[in-house]
C-alpha atoms as a PDB file:
ATOM      1  CA  MET A   1    -158.814 -68.805  11.587  1.00  0.00           C
ATOM      2  CA  ASN A   2    -157.234 -66.533   9.090  1.00  0.00           C
ATOM      3  CA  PHE A   3    -159.666 -65.031   6.864  1.00  0.00           C
ATOM      4  CA  LYS A   4    -159.107 -63.190   3.402  1.00  0.00           C
ATOM      5  CA  LYS A   5    -161.460 -60.808   1.653  1.00  0.00           C
ATOM      6  CA  ILE A   6    -162.649 -62.344  -1.993  1.00  0.00           C
ATOM      7  CA  THR A   7    -161.524 -58.476  -3.308  1.00  0.00           C
ATOM      8  CA  ASP A   8    -157.598 -58.787  -2.448  1.00  0.00           C
ATOM      9  CA  SER A   9    -157.333 -61.914  -5.062  1.00  0.00           C
ATOM     10  CA  GLU A  10    -159.519 -61.422  -7.752  1.00  0.00           C
ATOM     11  CA  THR A  11    -158.072 -61.090 -10.901  1.00  0.00           C
ATOM     12  CA  THR A  12    -158.635 -60.085 -14.422  1.00  0.00           C
ATOM     13  CA  ILE A  13    -156.532 -61.021 -17.395  1.00  0.00           C
ATOM     14  CA  THR A  14    -156.942 -59.814 -20.743  1.00  0.00           C
ATOM     15  CA  GLU A  15    -155.247 -61.211 -24.221  1.00  0.00           C
ATOM     16  CA  LEU A  16    -155.099 -60.241 -27.985  1.00  0.00           C
ATOM     17  CA  MET A  17    -156.486 -63.468 -29.351  1.00  0.00           C
ATOM     18  CA  LEU A  18    -153.703 -64.256 -32.211  1.00  0.00           C
ATOM     19  CA  PRO A  19    -153.807 -65.816 -35.502  1.00  0.00           C
ATOM     20  CA  SER A  20    -151.986 -69.142 -33.894  1.00  0.00           C
ATOM     21  CA  TYR A  21    -154.634 -69.380 -31.934  1.00  0.00           C
ATOM     22  CA  ALA A  22    -157.269 -70.356 -34.419  1.00  0.00           C
ATOM     23  CA  ASN A  23    -158.708 -73.874 -34.782  1.00  0.00           C
ATOM     24  CA  PHE A  24    -159.790 -75.101 -38.596  1.00  0.00           C
ATOM     25  CA  GLY A  25    -163.241 -73.434 -38.440  1.00  0.00           C
ATOM     26  CA  GLY A  26    -161.162 -69.857 -38.124  1.00  0.00           C
ATOM     27  CA  LYS A  27    -162.176 -69.145 -34.496  1.00  0.00           C
ATOM     28  CA  VAL A  28    -160.196 -69.278 -31.035  1.00  0.00           C
ATOM     29  CA  HIS A  29    -159.749 -72.814 -30.453  1.00  0.00           C
ATOM     30  CA  GLY A  30    -161.486 -74.203 -27.197  1.00  0.00           C
ATOM     31  CA  GLY A  31    -157.883 -75.801 -25.870  1.00  0.00           C
ATOM     32  CA  ILE A  32    -156.834 -72.177 -25.619  1.00  0.00           C
ATOM     33  CA  LEU A  33    -159.304 -70.657 -23.864  1.00  0.00           C
ATOM     34  CA  LEU A  34    -159.453 -73.826 -21.148  1.00  0.00           C
ATOM     35  CA  SER A  35    -155.375 -72.761 -20.580  1.00  0.00           C
ATOM     36  CA  LEU A  36    -156.019 -69.588 -20.622  1.00  0.00           C
ATOM     37  CA  MET A  37    -159.103 -70.262 -17.996  1.00  0.00           C
ATOM     38  CA  ASP A  38    -156.281 -72.312 -15.346  1.00  0.00           C
ATOM     39  CA  LYS A  39    -153.769 -69.757 -15.591  1.00  0.00           C
ATOM     40  CA  VAL A  40    -156.390 -67.087 -13.639  1.00  0.00           C
ATOM     41  CA  ALA A  41    -157.904 -69.587 -12.233  1.00  0.00           C
ATOM     42  CA  TYR A  42    -154.246 -70.517 -10.961  1.00  0.00           C
ATOM     43  CA  VAL A  43    -153.393 -66.558 -10.647  1.00  0.00           C
ATOM     44  CA  THR A  44    -156.289 -66.191  -8.306  1.00  0.00           C
ATOM     45  CA  ALA A  45    -156.573 -69.174  -5.785  1.00  0.00           C
ATOM     46  CA  THR A  46    -152.448 -68.420  -5.528  1.00  0.00           C
ATOM     47  CA  LYS A  47    -153.314 -64.901  -4.142  1.00  0.00           C
ATOM     48  CA  HIS A  48    -155.872 -66.302  -2.070  1.00  0.00           C
ATOM     49  CA  CYS A  49    -153.390 -68.499  -0.195  1.00  0.00           C
ATOM     50  CA  ALA A  50    -149.786 -67.624  -1.115  1.00  0.00           C
ATOM     51  CA  SER A  51    -149.187 -70.883  -1.762  1.00  0.00           C
ATOM     52  CA  TYR A  52    -148.762 -72.660  -5.192  1.00  0.00           C
ATOM     53  CA  CYS A  53    -151.744 -74.681  -6.248  1.00  0.00           C
ATOM     54  CA  VAL A  54    -153.013 -77.467  -8.282  1.00  0.00           C
ATOM     55  CA  THR A  55    -156.271 -78.017 -10.773  1.00  0.00           C
ATOM     56  CA  VAL A  56    -159.070 -80.492  -9.348  1.00  0.00           C
ATOM     57  CA  ALA A  57    -161.652 -80.423 -11.059  1.00  0.00           C
ATOM     58  CA  VAL A  58    -163.625 -78.286 -13.997  1.00  0.00           C
ATOM     59  CA  ASP A  59    -167.264 -77.507 -14.120  1.00  0.00           C
ATOM     60  CA  GLY A  60    -169.721 -75.765 -16.318  1.00  0.00           C
ATOM     61  CA  VAL A  61    -167.559 -74.589 -19.386  1.00  0.00           C
ATOM     62  CA  GLU A  62    -169.908 -74.110 -22.004  1.00  0.00           C
ATOM     63  CA  PHE A  63    -168.968 -72.447 -25.212  1.00  0.00           C
ATOM     64  CA  LEU A  64    -171.873 -69.922 -25.679  1.00  0.00           C
ATOM     65  CA  ASN A  65    -170.025 -67.731 -28.049  1.00  0.00           C
ATOM     66  CA  PRO A  66    -167.249 -68.205 -30.198  1.00  0.00           C
ATOM     67  CA  VAL A  67    -164.239 -66.034 -29.454  1.00  0.00           C
ATOM     68  CA  GLU A  68    -162.679 -64.074 -33.161  1.00  0.00           C
ATOM     69  CA  VAL A  69    -159.181 -64.184 -33.820  1.00  0.00           C
ATOM     70  CA  GLY A  70    -158.456 -60.498 -33.021  1.00  0.00           C
ATOM     71  CA  ASP A  71    -160.546 -59.646 -29.894  1.00  0.00           C
ATOM     72  CA  LEU A  72    -159.548 -58.878 -26.761  1.00  0.00           C
ATOM     73  CA  LEU A  73    -160.450 -61.796 -24.100  1.00  0.00           C
ATOM     74  CA  SER A  74    -161.218 -60.504 -20.701  1.00  0.00           C
ATOM     75  CA  LEU A  75    -160.953 -63.616 -17.926  1.00  0.00           C
ATOM     76  CA  LYS A  76    -162.555 -62.272 -14.557  1.00  0.00           C
ATOM     77  CA  ALA A  77    -161.794 -64.280 -11.404  1.00  0.00           C
ATOM     78  CA  SER A  78    -162.692 -64.809  -7.840  1.00  0.00           C
ATOM     79  CA  VAL A  79    -162.771 -67.641  -5.217  1.00  0.00           C
ATOM     80  CA  ASN A  80    -166.133 -68.165  -4.680  1.00  0.00           C
ATOM     81  CA  TYR A  81    -165.902 -70.882  -1.970  1.00  0.00           C
ATOM     82  CA  VAL A  82    -163.638 -72.422   0.479  1.00  0.00           C
ATOM     83  CA  GLY A  83    -163.136 -75.406   1.926  1.00  0.00           C
ATOM     84  CA  ASN A  84    -160.253 -77.170   4.240  1.00  0.00           C
ATOM     85  CA  THR A  85    -157.557 -77.171   1.768  1.00  0.00           C
ATOM     86  CA  SER A  86    -159.162 -76.232  -1.264  1.00  0.00           C
ATOM     87  CA  MET A  87    -161.031 -73.253  -3.414  1.00  0.00           C
ATOM     88  CA  ILE A  88    -163.619 -72.885  -6.335  1.00  0.00           C
ATOM     89  CA  ILE A  89    -163.041 -70.372  -8.917  1.00  0.00           C
ATOM     90  CA  GLY A  90    -165.874 -68.354 -10.620  1.00  0.00           C
ATOM     91  CA  ILE A  91    -164.568 -67.228 -13.947  1.00  0.00           C
ATOM     92  CA  ARG A  92    -166.169 -65.186 -16.262  1.00  0.00           C
ATOM     93  CA  VAL A  93    -164.849 -64.742 -20.070  1.00  0.00           C
ATOM     94  CA  GLU A  94    -165.521 -62.141 -22.434  1.00  0.00           C
ATOM     95  CA  THR A  95    -164.692 -60.466 -25.251  1.00  0.00           C
ATOM     96  CA  LEU A  96    -164.255 -57.397 -27.071  1.00  0.00           C
ATOM     97  CA  ASN A  97    -164.321 -56.696 -30.464  1.00  0.00           C
ATOM     98  CA  PRO A  98    -161.521 -53.831 -30.250  1.00  0.00           C
ATOM     99  CA  LYS A  99    -162.925 -52.497 -34.153  1.00  0.00           C
ATOM    100  CA  THR A 100    -166.834 -52.487 -33.227  1.00  0.00           C
ATOM    101  CA  GLY A 101    -166.869 -52.401 -29.212  1.00  0.00           C
ATOM    102  CA  ILE A 102    -169.334 -54.977 -29.357  1.00  0.00           C
ATOM    103  CA  ALA A 103    -169.024 -56.672 -25.891  1.00  0.00           C
ATOM    104  CA  GLN A 104    -169.826 -60.484 -25.837  1.00  0.00           C
ATOM    105  CA  HIS A 105    -169.925 -63.316 -22.680  1.00  0.00           C
ATOM    106  CA  THR A 106    -168.702 -66.323 -24.028  1.00  0.00           C
ATOM    107  CA  ASN A 107    -168.938 -68.754 -21.026  1.00  0.00           C
ATOM    108  CA  SER A 108    -168.499 -69.008 -16.729  1.00  0.00           C
ATOM    109  CA  CYS A 109    -167.088 -71.827 -15.436  1.00  0.00           C
ATOM    110  CA  TYR A 110    -165.927 -73.105 -12.347  1.00  0.00           C
ATOM    111  CA  PHE A 111    -162.480 -74.294 -11.712  1.00  0.00           C
ATOM    112  CA  THR A 112    -161.186 -76.186  -8.061  1.00  0.00           C
ATOM    113  CA  MET A 113    -158.020 -75.712  -6.646  1.00  0.00           C
ATOM    114  CA  ALA A 114    -156.331 -77.433  -3.835  1.00  0.00           C
ATOM    115  CA  ALA A 115    -152.973 -75.824  -2.474  1.00  0.00           C
ATOM    116  CA  LYS A 116    -149.816 -77.753  -1.723  1.00  0.00           C
ATOM    117  CA  ASP A 117    -146.935 -77.320  -0.144  1.00  0.00           C
ATOM    118  CA  ASP A 118    -143.327 -77.115  -1.291  1.00  0.00           C
ATOM    119  CA  ASP A 119    -143.361 -80.988  -0.563  1.00  0.00           C
ATOM    120  CA  GLY A 120    -146.418 -81.535  -2.177  1.00  0.00           C
ATOM    121  CA  LYS A 121    -148.719 -82.365   0.562  1.00  0.00           C
ATOM    122  CA  LEU A 122    -152.564 -80.425   0.979  1.00  0.00           C
ATOM    123  CA  ILE A 123    -152.643 -77.405   3.140  1.00  0.00           C
ATOM    124  CA  ALA A 124    -155.088 -75.986   4.626  1.00  0.00           C
ATOM    125  CA  VAL A 125    -156.473 -71.884   3.062  1.00  0.00           C
ATOM    126  CA  PRO A 126    -157.420 -69.004   4.279  1.00  0.00           C
ATOM    127  CA  GLY A 127    -160.984 -68.727   5.279  1.00  0.00           C
ATOM    128  CA  LEU A 128    -163.426 -65.881   3.372  1.00  0.00           C
ATOM    129  CA  ALA A 129    -164.519 -62.922   4.598  1.00  0.00           C
ATOM    130  CA  ILE A 130    -167.862 -62.404   2.736  1.00  0.00           C
ATOM    131  CA  GLU A 131    -168.839 -58.653   2.532  1.00  0.00           C
ATOM    132  CA  THR A 132    -171.581 -58.655  -0.157  1.00  0.00           C
ATOM    133  CA  GLU A 133    -174.591 -60.407  -1.193  1.00  0.00           C
ATOM    134  CA  THR A 134    -173.340 -61.782  -4.143  1.00  0.00           C
ATOM    135  CA  GLN A 135    -170.317 -63.027  -2.016  1.00  0.00           C
ATOM    136  CA  LEU A 136    -172.550 -65.004  -0.178  1.00  0.00           C
ATOM    137  CA  ARG A 137    -174.566 -66.247  -2.852  1.00  0.00           C
ATOM    138  CA  ARG A 138    -171.296 -67.471  -4.818  1.00  0.00           C
ATOM    139  CA  PHE A 139    -170.180 -68.861  -2.063  1.00  0.00           C
ATOM    140  CA  CYS A 140    -173.774 -71.037  -1.147  1.00  0.00           C
ATOM    141  CA  GLU A 141    -173.487 -72.085  -4.863  1.00  0.00           C
ATOM    142  CA  GLY A 142    -169.794 -73.195  -4.162  1.00  0.00           C
ATOM    143  CA  ILE A 143    -171.411 -75.568  -1.563  1.00  0.00           C
ATOM    144  CA  GLU A 144    -174.048 -76.723  -3.993  1.00  0.00           C
ATOM    145  CA  LEU A 145    -171.381 -77.332  -6.649  1.00  0.00           C
ATOM    146  CA  LYS A 146    -169.187 -79.554  -3.810  1.00  0.00           C
ATOM    147  CA  LYS A 147    -172.286 -81.593  -3.100  1.00  0.00           C
ATOM    148  CA  LEU A 148    -172.708 -82.387  -6.839  1.00  0.00           C
ATOM    149  CA  ALA A 149    -169.039 -82.857  -7.575  1.00  0.00           C
ATOM    150  CA  LYS A 150    -169.555 -85.658  -4.575  1.00  0.00           C
ATOM    151  CA  GLN A 151    -172.539 -87.203  -6.650  1.00  0.00           C
ATOM    152  CA  LYS A 152    -171.146 -87.519  -9.420  1.00  0.00           C
ATOM    153  CA  ARG A 153    -168.034 -89.439  -8.589  1.00  0.00           C
ATOM    154  CA  ALA A 154    -169.837 -91.574  -6.920  1.00  0.00           C
ATOM    155  CA  LEU A 155    -171.887 -92.043 -10.116  1.00  0.00           C
ATOM    156  CA  LEU A 156    -168.659 -92.541 -12.145  1.00  0.00           C
ATOM    157  CA  LYS A 157    -167.430 -94.912 -10.007  1.00  0.00           C
ATOM    158  CA  SER A 158    -170.781 -96.956  -9.471  1.00  0.00           C
ATOM    159  CA  ASN A 159    -170.221 -97.446 -13.463  1.00  0.00           C
ATOM    160  CA  LEU A 160    -174.094 -98.290 -13.120  1.00  0.00           C
ATOM    161  CA  THR A 161    -173.095-101.923 -11.793  1.00  0.00           C
ATOM    162  CA  HIS A 162    -175.923-102.176  -9.708  1.00  0.00           C
ATOM    163  CA  LEU A 163    -178.467-102.016 -12.354  1.00  0.00           C
ATOM    164  CA  SER A 164    -179.917-104.961 -14.853  1.00  0.00           C
ATOM    165  CA  VAL A 165    -179.697-104.996 -18.688  1.00  0.00           C
ATOM    166  CA  SER A 166    -182.863-104.158 -18.956  1.00  0.00           C
ATOM    167  CA  ALA A 167    -183.028-101.367 -16.519  1.00  0.00           C
ATOM    168  CA  LEU A 168    -179.707 -99.983 -18.615  1.00  0.00           C
ATOM    169  CA  ARG A 169    -182.370-100.611 -22.069  1.00  0.00           C
ATOM    170  CA  ALA A 170    -185.583 -98.653 -20.376  1.00  0.00           C
ATOM    171  CA  ILE A 171    -182.685 -95.496 -19.517  1.00  0.00           C
ATOM    172  CA  CYS A 172    -181.815 -95.535 -23.317  1.00  0.00           C
ATOM    173  CA  LEU A 173    -185.200 -95.941 -24.709  1.00  0.00           C
ATOM    174  CA  SER A 174    -185.732 -92.068 -25.748  1.00  0.00           C
ATOM    175  CA  GLU A 175    -182.219 -91.930 -26.932  1.00  0.00           C
ATOM    176  CA  LYS A 176    -180.386 -92.363 -30.141  1.00  0.00           C
ATOM    177  CA  CYS A 177    -178.836 -95.407 -29.870  1.00  0.00           C
ATOM    178  CA  SER A 178    -179.312 -98.751 -31.242  1.00  0.00           C
ATOM    179  CA  ILE A 179    -178.515-101.346 -28.895  1.00  0.00           C
ATOM    180  CA  SER A 180    -177.570-105.233 -29.689  1.00  0.00           C
ATOM    181  CA  ASN A 181    -179.996-108.187 -28.654  1.00  0.00           C
ATOM    182  CA  LYS A 182    -176.887-110.271 -27.721  1.00  0.00           C
ATOM    183  CA  LEU A 183    -176.901-107.850 -24.422  1.00  0.00           C
ATOM    184  CA  ASP A 184    -179.479-109.809 -22.839  1.00  0.00           C
ATOM    185  CA  SER A 185    -177.706-113.487 -23.356  1.00  0.00           C
END
């Protein structure tokens, strides 16, 4: 099997946040940030497997701090885990205010990317040559993320149809919702 070093595909992209990226609140729109994250995930995955890649899933996107117009946004990505045809790309997003020099972590997330051939069929990706404790921890996190993704897909497919209305009501007791009595009939 072919193994590649994680450092061979690590990618950092830095981009100036322009006024045209702003939302109605004056901050950079989350959709712009997601697009940039998808771009850096694609570049990293493609560098690892030397083929076309597609986004399969996005996990863990939580915007911790706003991104301001005028900030320099840096996206740092690496292949954290590989399966047979897919890769989990870890991304750390940081801003730098060029006037003040203040840097902030805005989010970290994971993109699952799959490799495809010229006919659009899934193809095997190279393995990872793990060289540091951090890389080993991230690979093991990838194993756990893969397990959680399978559980999430199973839950969403089940639509909780195996539960009765009374069981569903019980789940919602401490939640902020009002459930119609018509559901009992």
